Amino acid sequence: YRTGYHSFFLVVLLLLVNHFVTGVKDFQWAEDGSVELL
């Protein structure tokens, strides 16, 4: 449960960073959105 809790917040953090990098900075780091999500 604790590891799942930490993993969930890691997903949220990575999604926020990805949104900042791809949305605000207009930088694409993967081929498309599905590869980013993977």
PDB file of all heavy atoms in Angstrom:
ATOM      1  N   TYR A   1       0.832  -1.203   0.000  1.00  0.00           N
ATOM      2  CA  TYR A   1       0.000   0.000   0.000  1.00  0.00           C
ATOM      3  C   TYR A   1       0.870   1.258   0.000  1.00  0.00           C
ATOM      4  O   TYR A   1       0.605   2.207  -0.731  1.00  0.00           O
ATOM      5  CB  TYR A   1      -0.946   0.025   1.195  1.00  0.00           C
ATOM      6  CG  TYR A   1      -2.033  -1.009   1.151  1.00  0.00           C
ATOM      7  CD1 TYR A   1      -2.540  -1.564   2.315  1.00  0.00           C
ATOM      8  CD2 TYR A   1      -2.577  -1.443  -0.051  1.00  0.00           C
ATOM      9  CE1 TYR A   1      -3.544  -2.511   2.286  1.00  0.00           C
ATOM     10  CE2 TYR A   1      -3.580  -2.394  -0.094  1.00  0.00           C
ATOM     11  CZ  TYR A   1      -4.056  -2.924   1.084  1.00  0.00           C
ATOM     12  OH  TYR A   1      -5.047  -3.860   1.043  1.00  0.00           O
ATOM     13  N   ARG A   2       1.899   1.267   0.840  1.00  0.00           N
ATOM     14  CA  ARG A   2       2.785   2.437   0.915  1.00  0.00           C
ATOM     15  C   ARG A   2       3.522   2.652  -0.403  1.00  0.00           C
ATOM     16  O   ARG A   2       3.618   3.779  -0.897  1.00  0.00           O
ATOM     17  CB  ARG A   2       3.784   2.278   2.059  1.00  0.00           C
ATOM     18  CG  ARG A   2       4.610   3.549   2.274  1.00  0.00           C
ATOM     19  CD  ARG A   2       5.597   3.401   3.375  1.00  0.00           C
ATOM     20  NE  ARG A   2       6.587   2.414   2.933  1.00  0.00           N
ATOM     21  CZ  ARG A   2       7.520   1.920   3.692  1.00  0.00           C
ATOM     22  NH1 ARG A   2       7.601   2.273   4.956  1.00  0.00           N
ATOM     23  NH2 ARG A   2       8.371   1.046   3.232  1.00  0.00           N
ATOM     24  N   THR A   3       4.019   1.576  -0.991  1.00  0.00           N
ATOM     25  CA  THR A   3       4.727   1.688  -2.264  1.00  0.00           C
ATOM     26  C   THR A   3       3.771   2.122  -3.374  1.00  0.00           C
ATOM     27  O   THR A   3       4.135   2.931  -4.233  1.00  0.00           O
ATOM     28  CB  THR A   3       5.389   0.344  -2.620  1.00  0.00           C
ATOM     29  OG1 THR A   3       6.187  -0.079  -1.522  1.00  0.00           O
ATOM     30  CG2 THR A   3       6.266   0.475  -3.835  1.00  0.00           C
ATOM     31  N   GLY A   4       2.553   1.623  -3.351  1.00  0.00           N
ATOM     32  CA  GLY A   4       1.559   2.057  -4.327  1.00  0.00           C
ATOM     33  C   GLY A   4       1.221   3.529  -4.175  1.00  0.00           C
ATOM     34  O   GLY A   4       1.047   4.247  -5.168  1.00  0.00           O
ATOM     35  N   TYR A   5       1.135   3.989  -2.939  1.00  0.00           N
ATOM     36  CA  TYR A   5       0.881   5.402  -2.650  1.00  0.00           C
ATOM     37  C   TYR A   5       1.999   6.267  -3.216  1.00  0.00           C
ATOM     38  O   TYR A   5       1.752   7.266  -3.897  1.00  0.00           O
ATOM     39  CB  TYR A   5       0.762   5.557  -1.136  1.00  0.00           C
ATOM     40  CG  TYR A   5       0.521   6.946  -0.632  1.00  0.00           C
ATOM     41  CD1 TYR A   5      -0.752   7.503  -0.677  1.00  0.00           C
ATOM     42  CD2 TYR A   5       1.553   7.691  -0.084  1.00  0.00           C
ATOM     43  CE1 TYR A   5      -0.983   8.784  -0.189  1.00  0.00           C
ATOM     44  CE2 TYR A   5       1.335   8.966   0.410  1.00  0.00           C
ATOM     45  CZ  TYR A   5       0.070   9.503   0.343  1.00  0.00           C
ATOM     46  OH  TYR A   5      -0.158  10.774   0.828  1.00  0.00           O
ATOM     47  N   HIS A   6       3.247   5.872  -2.958  1.00  0.00           N
ATOM     48  CA  HIS A   6       4.389   6.624  -3.486  1.00  0.00           C
ATOM     49  C   HIS A   6       4.432   6.567  -5.013  1.00  0.00           C
ATOM     50  O   HIS A   6       4.753   7.565  -5.668  1.00  0.00           O
ATOM     51  CB  HIS A   6       5.695   6.098  -2.899  1.00  0.00           C
ATOM     52  CG  HIS A   6       5.835   6.373  -1.445  1.00  0.00           C
ATOM     53  ND1 HIS A   6       6.534   5.542  -0.591  1.00  0.00           N
ATOM     54  CD2 HIS A   6       5.366   7.376  -0.665  1.00  0.00           C
ATOM     55  CE1 HIS A   6       6.488   6.026   0.630  1.00  0.00           C
ATOM     56  NE2 HIS A   6       5.788   7.138   0.615  1.00  0.00           N
ATOM     57  N   SER A   7       4.114   5.428  -5.573  1.00  0.00           N
ATOM     58  CA  SER A   7       4.100   5.292  -7.033  1.00  0.00           C
ATOM     59  C   SER A   7       3.033   6.172  -7.660  1.00  0.00           C
ATOM     60  O   SER A   7       3.257   6.773  -8.716  1.00  0.00           O
ATOM     61  CB  SER A   7       3.871   3.838  -7.429  1.00  0.00           C
ATOM     62  OG  SER A   7       4.923   3.029  -6.973  1.00  0.00           O
ATOM     63  N   PHE A   8       1.878   6.255  -7.022  1.00  0.00           N
ATOM     64  CA  PHE A   8       0.811   7.116  -7.536  1.00  0.00           C
ATOM     65  C   PHE A   8       1.269   8.571  -7.584  1.00  0.00           C
ATOM     66  O   PHE A   8       1.068   9.266  -8.576  1.00  0.00           O
ATOM     67  CB  PHE A   8      -0.446   6.986  -6.680  1.00  0.00           C
ATOM     68  CG  PHE A   8      -1.506   7.974  -7.045  1.00  0.00           C
ATOM     69  CD1 PHE A   8      -2.251   7.812  -8.202  1.00  0.00           C
ATOM     70  CD2 PHE A   8      -1.755   9.076  -6.234  1.00  0.00           C
ATOM     71  CE1 PHE A   8      -3.230   8.730  -8.550  1.00  0.00           C
ATOM     72  CE2 PHE A   8      -2.723   9.991  -6.580  1.00  0.00           C
ATOM     73  CZ  PHE A   8      -3.463   9.829  -7.734  1.00  0.00           C
ATOM     74  N   PHE A   9       1.892   9.034  -6.504  1.00  0.00           N
ATOM     75  CA  PHE A   9       2.351  10.421  -6.497  1.00  0.00           C
ATOM     76  C   PHE A   9       3.503  10.632  -7.473  1.00  0.00           C
ATOM     77  O   PHE A   9       3.653  11.727  -8.027  1.00  0.00           O
ATOM     78  CB  PHE A   9       2.706  10.877  -5.083  1.00  0.00           C
ATOM     79  CG  PHE A   9       1.488  11.272  -4.323  1.00  0.00           C
ATOM     80  CD1 PHE A   9       0.984  10.466  -3.327  1.00  0.00           C
ATOM     81  CD2 PHE A   9       0.802  12.440  -4.630  1.00  0.00           C
ATOM     82  CE1 PHE A   9      -0.163  10.812  -2.647  1.00  0.00           C
ATOM     83  CE2 PHE A   9      -0.349  12.796  -3.954  1.00  0.00           C
ATOM     84  CZ  PHE A   9      -0.833  11.990  -2.956  1.00  0.00           C
ATOM     85  N   LEU A  10       4.289   9.611  -7.716  1.00  0.00           N
ATOM     86  CA  LEU A  10       5.329   9.705  -8.736  1.00  0.00           C
ATOM     87  C   LEU A  10       4.710   9.850 -10.125  1.00  0.00           C
ATOM     88  O   LEU A  10       5.185  10.632 -10.950  1.00  0.00           O
ATOM     89  CB  LEU A  10       6.244   8.482  -8.674  1.00  0.00           C
ATOM     90  CG  LEU A  10       7.472   8.477  -9.560  1.00  0.00           C
ATOM     91  CD1 LEU A  10       8.349   9.703  -9.326  1.00  0.00           C
ATOM     92  CD2 LEU A  10       8.278   7.205  -9.312  1.00  0.00           C
ATOM     93  N   VAL A  11       3.615   9.134 -10.388  1.00  0.00           N
ATOM     94  CA  VAL A  11       2.899   9.282 -11.661  1.00  0.00           C
ATOM     95  C   VAL A  11       2.379  10.712 -11.802  1.00  0.00           C
ATOM     96  O   VAL A  11       2.541  11.341 -12.859  1.00  0.00           O
ATOM     97  CB  VAL A  11       1.732   8.279 -11.777  1.00  0.00           C
ATOM     98  CG1 VAL A  11       0.818   8.634 -12.939  1.00  0.00           C
ATOM     99  CG2 VAL A  11       2.242   6.875 -11.934  1.00  0.00           C
ATOM    100  N   VAL A  12       1.766  11.239 -10.757  1.00  0.00           N
ATOM    101  CA  VAL A  12       1.238  12.600 -10.797  1.00  0.00           C
ATOM    102  C   VAL A  12       2.359  13.597 -11.046  1.00  0.00           C
ATOM    103  O   VAL A  12       2.235  14.503 -11.893  1.00  0.00           O
ATOM    104  CB  VAL A  12       0.474  12.938  -9.497  1.00  0.00           C
ATOM    105  CG1 VAL A  12       0.115  14.411  -9.433  1.00  0.00           C
ATOM    106  CG2 VAL A  12      -0.774  12.079  -9.379  1.00  0.00           C
ATOM    107  N   LEU A  13       3.475  13.446 -10.346  1.00  0.00           N
ATOM    108  CA  LEU A  13       4.615  14.340 -10.526  1.00  0.00           C
ATOM    109  C   LEU A  13       5.150  14.267 -11.959  1.00  0.00           C
ATOM    110  O   LEU A  13       5.408  15.298 -12.591  1.00  0.00           O
ATOM    111  CB  LEU A  13       5.718  13.999  -9.525  1.00  0.00           C
ATOM    112  CG  LEU A  13       6.995  14.827  -9.650  1.00  0.00           C
ATOM    113  CD1 LEU A  13       6.725  16.270  -9.258  1.00  0.00           C
ATOM    114  CD2 LEU A  13       8.086  14.223  -8.794  1.00  0.00           C
ATOM    115  N   LEU A  14       5.300  13.061 -12.472  1.00  0.00           N
ATOM    116  CA  LEU A  14       5.801  12.907 -13.836  1.00  0.00           C
ATOM    117  C   LEU A  14       4.830  13.481 -14.862  1.00  0.00           C
ATOM    118  O   LEU A  14       5.252  14.068 -15.869  1.00  0.00           O
ATOM    119  CB  LEU A  14       6.089  11.437 -14.136  1.00  0.00           C
ATOM    120  CG  LEU A  14       7.288  10.838 -13.415  1.00  0.00           C
ATOM    121  CD1 LEU A  14       7.366   9.343 -13.662  1.00  0.00           C
ATOM    122  CD2 LEU A  14       8.569  11.509 -13.842  1.00  0.00           C
ATOM    123  N   LEU A  15       3.530  13.323 -14.644  1.00  0.00           N
ATOM    124  CA  LEU A  15       2.540  13.919 -15.543  1.00  0.00           C
ATOM    125  C   LEU A  15       2.615  15.445 -15.523  1.00  0.00           C
ATOM    126  O   LEU A  15       2.523  16.096 -16.569  1.00  0.00           O
ATOM    127  CB  LEU A  15       1.133  13.457 -15.189  1.00  0.00           C
ATOM    128  CG  LEU A  15       0.781  12.028 -15.599  1.00  0.00           C
ATOM    129  CD1 LEU A  15      -0.561  11.622 -14.996  1.00  0.00           C
ATOM    130  CD2 LEU A  15       0.755  11.886 -17.107  1.00  0.00           C
ATOM    131  N   LEU A  16       2.795  16.025 -14.338  1.00  0.00           N
ATOM    132  CA  LEU A  16       2.922  17.478 -14.244  1.00  0.00           C
ATOM    133  C   LEU A  16       4.192  17.975 -14.935  1.00  0.00           C
ATOM    134  O   LEU A  16       4.158  18.973 -15.667  1.00  0.00           O
ATOM    135  CB  LEU A  16       2.905  17.926 -12.783  1.00  0.00           C
ATOM    136  CG  LEU A  16       1.563  17.810 -12.069  1.00  0.00           C
ATOM    137  CD1 LEU A  16       1.719  18.090 -10.582  1.00  0.00           C
ATOM    138  CD2 LEU A  16       0.546  18.741 -12.688  1.00  0.00           C
ATOM    139  N   VAL A  17       5.299  17.282 -14.715  1.00  0.00           N
ATOM    140  CA  VAL A  17       6.550  17.653 -15.380  1.00  0.00           C
ATOM    141  C   VAL A  17       6.401  17.503 -16.887  1.00  0.00           C
ATOM    142  O   VAL A  17       6.839  18.371 -17.658  1.00  0.00           O
ATOM    143  CB  VAL A  17       7.725  16.811 -14.838  1.00  0.00           C
ATOM    144  CG1 VAL A  17       8.972  16.980 -15.700  1.00  0.00           C
ATOM    145  CG2 VAL A  17       8.024  17.181 -13.395  1.00  0.00           C
ATOM    146  N   ASN A  18       5.770  16.421 -17.320  1.00  0.00           N
ATOM    147  CA  ASN A  18       5.561  16.210 -18.746  1.00  0.00           C
ATOM    148  C   ASN A  18       4.682  17.314 -19.336  1.00  0.00           C
ATOM    149  O   ASN A  18       4.950  17.808 -20.433  1.00  0.00           O
ATOM    150  CB  ASN A  18       4.926  14.844 -19.004  1.00  0.00           C
ATOM    151  CG  ASN A  18       4.775  14.557 -20.474  1.00  0.00           C
ATOM    152  OD1 ASN A  18       5.731  14.636 -21.234  1.00  0.00           O
ATOM    153  ND2 ASN A  18       3.570  14.225 -20.883  1.00  0.00           N
ATOM    154  N   HIS A  19       3.647  17.695 -18.614  1.00  0.00           N
ATOM    155  CA  HIS A  19       2.781  18.780 -19.091  1.00  0.00           C
ATOM    156  C   HIS A  19       3.575  20.081 -19.221  1.00  0.00           C
ATOM    157  O   HIS A  19       3.426  20.815 -20.197  1.00  0.00           O
ATOM    158  CB  HIS A  19       1.600  18.970 -18.153  1.00  0.00           C
ATOM    159  CG  HIS A  19       0.745  20.132 -18.524  1.00  0.00           C
ATOM    160  ND1 HIS A  19      -0.049  20.143 -19.646  1.00  0.00           N
ATOM    161  CD2 HIS A  19       0.592  21.343 -17.933  1.00  0.00           C
ATOM    162  CE1 HIS A  19      -0.659  21.309 -19.735  1.00  0.00           C
ATOM    163  NE2 HIS A  19      -0.290  22.047 -18.696  1.00  0.00           N
ATOM    164  N   PHE A  20       4.411  20.367 -18.238  1.00  0.00           N
ATOM    165  CA  PHE A  20       5.228  21.584 -18.289  1.00  0.00           C
ATOM    166  C   PHE A  20       6.186  21.537 -19.471  1.00  0.00           C
ATOM    167  O   PHE A  20       6.313  22.508 -20.215  1.00  0.00           O
ATOM    168  CB  PHE A  20       6.001  21.755 -16.975  1.00  0.00           C
ATOM    169  CG  PHE A  20       6.916  22.937 -16.979  1.00  0.00           C
ATOM    170  CD1 PHE A  20       6.403  24.222 -16.840  1.00  0.00           C
ATOM    171  CD2 PHE A  20       8.285  22.771 -17.128  1.00  0.00           C
ATOM    172  CE1 PHE A  20       7.243  25.316 -16.844  1.00  0.00           C
ATOM    173  CE2 PHE A  20       9.121  23.864 -17.136  1.00  0.00           C
ATOM    174  CZ  PHE A  20       8.610  25.145 -16.994  1.00  0.00           C
ATOM    175  N   VAL A  21       6.862  20.402 -19.649  1.00  0.00           N
ATOM    176  CA  VAL A  21       7.861  20.282 -20.716  1.00  0.00           C
ATOM    177  C   VAL A  21       7.212  20.306 -22.096  1.00  0.00           C
ATOM    178  O   VAL A  21       7.673  21.003 -22.996  1.00  0.00           O
ATOM    179  CB  VAL A  21       8.697  18.991 -20.523  1.00  0.00           C
ATOM    180  CG1 VAL A  21       9.544  18.683 -21.744  1.00  0.00           C
ATOM    181  CG2 VAL A  21       9.569  19.106 -19.299  1.00  0.00           C
ATOM    182  N   THR A  22       6.125  19.548 -22.267  1.00  0.00           N
ATOM    183  CA  THR A  22       5.516  19.455 -23.598  1.00  0.00           C
ATOM    184  C   THR A  22       4.544  20.597 -23.880  1.00  0.00           C
ATOM    185  O   THR A  22       4.431  21.025 -25.023  1.00  0.00           O
ATOM    186  CB  THR A  22       4.778  18.115 -23.780  1.00  0.00           C
ATOM    187  OG1 THR A  22       3.782  17.988 -22.773  1.00  0.00           O
ATOM    188  CG2 THR A  22       5.735  16.956 -23.724  1.00  0.00           C
ATOM    189  N   GLY A  23       3.867  21.082 -22.873  1.00  0.00           N
ATOM    190  CA  GLY A  23       2.862  22.112 -23.088  1.00  0.00           C
ATOM    191  C   GLY A  23       3.410  23.524 -23.009  1.00  0.00           C
ATOM    192  O   GLY A  23       3.243  24.326 -23.919  1.00  0.00           O
ATOM    193  N   VAL A  24       4.086  23.818 -21.917  1.00  0.00           N
ATOM    194  CA  VAL A  24       4.571  25.176 -21.684  1.00  0.00           C
ATOM    195  C   VAL A  24       5.837  25.448 -22.489  1.00  0.00           C
ATOM    196  O   VAL A  24       5.953  26.473 -23.160  1.00  0.00           O
ATOM    197  CB  VAL A  24       4.802  25.416 -20.177  1.00  0.00           C
ATOM    198  CG1 VAL A  24       5.400  26.778 -19.915  1.00  0.00           C
ATOM    199  CG2 VAL A  24       3.498  25.238 -19.410  1.00  0.00           C
ATOM    200  N   LYS A  25       6.782  24.537 -22.432  1.00  0.00           N
ATOM    201  CA  LYS A  25       8.060  24.730 -23.122  1.00  0.00           C
ATOM    202  C   LYS A  25       8.025  24.274 -24.579  1.00  0.00           C
ATOM    203  O   LYS A  25       8.967  24.486 -25.312  1.00  0.00           O
ATOM    204  CB  LYS A  25       9.181  23.986 -22.387  1.00  0.00           C
ATOM    205  CG  LYS A  25       9.487  24.540 -21.022  1.00  0.00           C
ATOM    206  CD  LYS A  25      10.050  25.925 -21.127  1.00  0.00           C
ATOM    207  CE  LYS A  25      10.454  26.434 -19.752  1.00  0.00           C
ATOM    208  NZ  LYS A  25      10.998  27.764 -19.808  1.00  0.00           N
ATOM    209  N   ASP A  26       6.936  23.610 -24.985  1.00  0.00           N
ATOM    210  CA  ASP A  26       6.761  23.141 -26.364  1.00  0.00           C
ATOM    211  C   ASP A  26       7.943  22.268 -26.817  1.00  0.00           C
ATOM    212  O   ASP A  26       8.527  22.491 -27.878  1.00  0.00           O
ATOM    213  CB  ASP A  26       6.562  24.325 -27.311  1.00  0.00           C
ATOM    214  CG  ASP A  26       5.947  23.874 -28.621  1.00  0.00           C
ATOM    215  OD1 ASP A  26       5.172  22.890 -28.598  1.00  0.00           O
ATOM    216  OD2 ASP A  26       6.243  24.494 -29.665  1.00  0.00           O
ATOM    217  N   PHE A  27       8.290  21.303 -25.974  1.00  0.00           N
ATOM    218  CA  PHE A  27       9.376  20.372 -26.280  1.00  0.00           C
ATOM    219  C   PHE A  27       8.809  18.966 -26.250  1.00  0.00           C
ATOM    220  O   PHE A  27       8.243  18.540 -25.244  1.00  0.00           O
ATOM    221  CB  PHE A  27      10.502  20.510 -25.240  1.00  0.00           C
ATOM    222  CG  PHE A  27      11.600  19.504 -25.409  1.00  0.00           C
ATOM    223  CD1 PHE A  27      12.534  19.646 -26.413  1.00  0.00           C
ATOM    224  CD2 PHE A  27      11.695  18.414 -24.559  1.00  0.00           C
ATOM    225  CE1 PHE A  27      13.546  18.725 -26.570  1.00  0.00           C
ATOM    226  CE2 PHE A  27      12.706  17.481 -24.710  1.00  0.00           C
ATOM    227  CZ  PHE A  27      13.633  17.637 -25.716  1.00  0.00           C
ATOM    228  N   GLN A  28       8.954  18.246 -27.332  1.00  0.00           N
ATOM    229  CA  GLN A  28       8.468  16.867 -27.389  1.00  0.00           C
ATOM    230  C   GLN A  28       9.659  15.938 -27.195  1.00  0.00           C
ATOM    231  O   GLN A  28      10.626  15.985 -27.940  1.00  0.00           O
ATOM    232  CB  GLN A  28       7.790  16.588 -28.728  1.00  0.00           C
ATOM    233  CG  GLN A  28       7.089  15.269 -28.758  1.00  0.00           C
ATOM    234  CD  GLN A  28       6.301  15.067 -30.049  1.00  0.00           C
ATOM    235  OE1 GLN A  28       6.299  15.920 -30.919  1.00  0.00           O
ATOM    236  NE2 GLN A  28       5.655  13.928 -30.148  1.00  0.00           N
ATOM    237  N   TRP A  29       9.598  15.060 -26.186  1.00  0.00           N
ATOM    238  CA  TRP A  29      10.718  14.186 -25.859  1.00  0.00           C
ATOM    239  C   TRP A  29      10.490  12.748 -26.312  1.00  0.00           C
ATOM    240  O   TRP A  29      11.380  11.904 -26.174  1.00  0.00           O
ATOM    241  CB  TRP A  29      11.029  14.231 -24.367  1.00  0.00           C
ATOM    242  CG  TRP A  29       9.880  13.880 -23.479  1.00  0.00           C
ATOM    243  CD1 TRP A  29       8.928  14.733 -23.017  1.00  0.00           C
ATOM    244  CD2 TRP A  29       9.556  12.595 -22.950  1.00  0.00           C
ATOM    245  NE1 TRP A  29       8.027  14.052 -22.233  1.00  0.00           N
ATOM    246  CE2 TRP A  29       8.393  12.739 -22.169  1.00  0.00           C
ATOM    247  CE3 TRP A  29      10.136  11.340 -23.055  1.00  0.00           C
ATOM    248  CZ2 TRP A  29       7.810  11.673 -21.511  1.00  0.00           C
ATOM    249  CZ3 TRP A  29       9.553  10.276 -22.393  1.00  0.00           C
ATOM    250  CH2 TRP A  29       8.405  10.453 -21.629  1.00  0.00           C
ATOM    251  N   ALA A  30       9.317  12.447 -26.843  1.00  0.00           N
ATOM    252  CA  ALA A  30       9.016  11.109 -27.362  1.00  0.00           C
ATOM    253  C   ALA A  30       8.288  11.259 -28.689  1.00  0.00           C
ATOM    254  O   ALA A  30       7.805  12.340 -29.042  1.00  0.00           O
ATOM    255  CB  ALA A  30       8.174  10.322 -26.372  1.00  0.00           C
ATOM    256  N   GLU A  31       8.204  10.146 -29.423  1.00  0.00           N
ATOM    257  CA  GLU A  31       7.562  10.162 -30.745  1.00  0.00           C
ATOM    258  C   GLU A  31       6.159  10.753 -30.708  1.00  0.00           C
ATOM    259  O   GLU A  31       5.809  11.592 -31.523  1.00  0.00           O
ATOM    260  CB  GLU A  31       7.466   8.736 -31.294  1.00  0.00           C
ATOM    261  CG  GLU A  31       8.660   8.267 -32.027  1.00  0.00           C
ATOM    262  CD  GLU A  31       8.432   6.887 -32.601  1.00  0.00           C
ATOM    263  OE1 GLU A  31       7.755   6.047 -31.978  1.00  0.00           O
ATOM    264  OE2 GLU A  31       8.956   6.655 -33.690  1.00  0.00           O
ATOM    265  N   ASP A  32       5.363  10.263 -29.784  1.00  0.00           N
ATOM    266  CA  ASP A  32       4.001  10.757 -29.654  1.00  0.00           C
ATOM    267  C   ASP A  32       3.546  10.611 -28.208  1.00  0.00           C
ATOM    268  O   ASP A  32       4.287  10.153 -27.342  1.00  0.00           O
ATOM    269  CB  ASP A  32       3.045  10.031 -30.618  1.00  0.00           C
ATOM    270  CG  ASP A  32       3.031   8.527 -30.423  1.00  0.00           C
ATOM    271  OD1 ASP A  32       3.552   8.045 -29.411  1.00  0.00           O
ATOM    272  OD2 ASP A  32       2.478   7.823 -31.289  1.00  0.00           O
ATOM    273  N   GLY A  33       2.318  11.003 -27.956  1.00  0.00           N
ATOM    274  CA  GLY A  33       1.793  10.983 -26.596  1.00  0.00           C
ATOM    275  C   GLY A  33       1.703   9.597 -25.984  1.00  0.00           C
ATOM    276  O   GLY A  33       1.854   9.439 -24.774  1.00  0.00           O
ATOM    277  N   SER A  34       1.478   8.575 -26.811  1.00  0.00           N
ATOM    278  CA  SER A  34       1.364   7.221 -26.249  1.00  0.00           C
ATOM    279  C   SER A  34       2.708   6.722 -25.736  1.00  0.00           C
ATOM    280  O   SER A  34       2.771   6.047 -24.710  1.00  0.00           O
ATOM    281  CB  SER A  34       0.790   6.256 -27.288  1.00  0.00           C
ATOM    282  OG  SER A  34       1.644   6.146 -28.392  1.00  0.00           O
ATOM    283  N   VAL A  35       3.791   7.054 -26.415  1.00  0.00           N
ATOM    284  CA  VAL A  35       5.126   6.652 -25.944  1.00  0.00           C
ATOM    285  C   VAL A  35       5.467   7.419 -24.666  1.00  0.00           C
ATOM    286  O   VAL A  35       6.028   6.853 -23.723  1.00  0.00           O
ATOM    287  CB  VAL A  35       6.194   6.872 -27.040  1.00  0.00           C
ATOM    288  CG1 VAL A  35       7.584   6.568 -26.520  1.00  0.00           C
ATOM    289  CG2 VAL A  35       5.881   6.029 -28.265  1.00  0.00           C
ATOM    290  N   GLU A  36       5.106   8.701 -24.614  1.00  0.00           N
ATOM    291  CA  GLU A  36       5.314   9.480 -23.390  1.00  0.00           C
ATOM    292  C   GLU A  36       4.583   8.838 -22.215  1.00  0.00           C
ATOM    293  O   GLU A  36       5.140   8.669 -21.136  1.00  0.00           O
ATOM    294  CB  GLU A  36       4.816  10.912 -23.575  1.00  0.00           C
ATOM    295  CG  GLU A  36       5.648  11.760 -24.484  1.00  0.00           C
ATOM    296  CD  GLU A  36       5.059  13.136 -24.708  1.00  0.00           C
ATOM    297  OE1 GLU A  36       3.979  13.441 -24.141  1.00  0.00           O
ATOM    298  OE2 GLU A  36       5.667  13.905 -25.466  1.00  0.00           O
ATOM    299  N   LEU A  37       3.324   8.485 -22.444  1.00  0.00           N
ATOM    300  CA  LEU A  37       2.519   7.885 -21.384  1.00  0.00           C
ATOM    301  C   LEU A  37       3.083   6.535 -20.940  1.00  0.00           C
ATOM    302  O   LEU A  37       3.093   6.225 -19.742  1.00  0.00           O
ATOM    303  CB  LEU A  37       1.071   7.742 -21.829  1.00  0.00           C
ATOM    304  CG  LEU A  37       0.061   7.396 -20.754  1.00  0.00           C
ATOM    305  CD1 LEU A  37       0.068   8.446 -19.653  1.00  0.00           C
ATOM    306  CD2 LEU A  37      -1.322   7.285 -21.344  1.00  0.00           C
ATOM    307  N   LEU A  38       3.572   5.742 -21.886  1.00  0.00           N
ATOM    308  CA  LEU A  38       4.186   4.465 -21.526  1.00  0.00           C
ATOM    309  C   LEU A  38       5.364   4.674 -20.580  1.00  0.00           C
ATOM    310  O   LEU A  38       5.493   3.978 -19.567  1.00  0.00           O
ATOM    311  CB  LEU A  38       4.655   3.722 -22.773  1.00  0.00           C
ATOM    312  CG  LEU A  38       3.621   2.881 -23.487  1.00  0.00           C
ATOM    313  CD1 LEU A  38       4.158   2.404 -24.832  1.00  0.00           C
ATOM    314  CD2 LEU A  38       3.212   1.707 -22.642  1.00  0.00           C
TER     315      LEU A  38
END
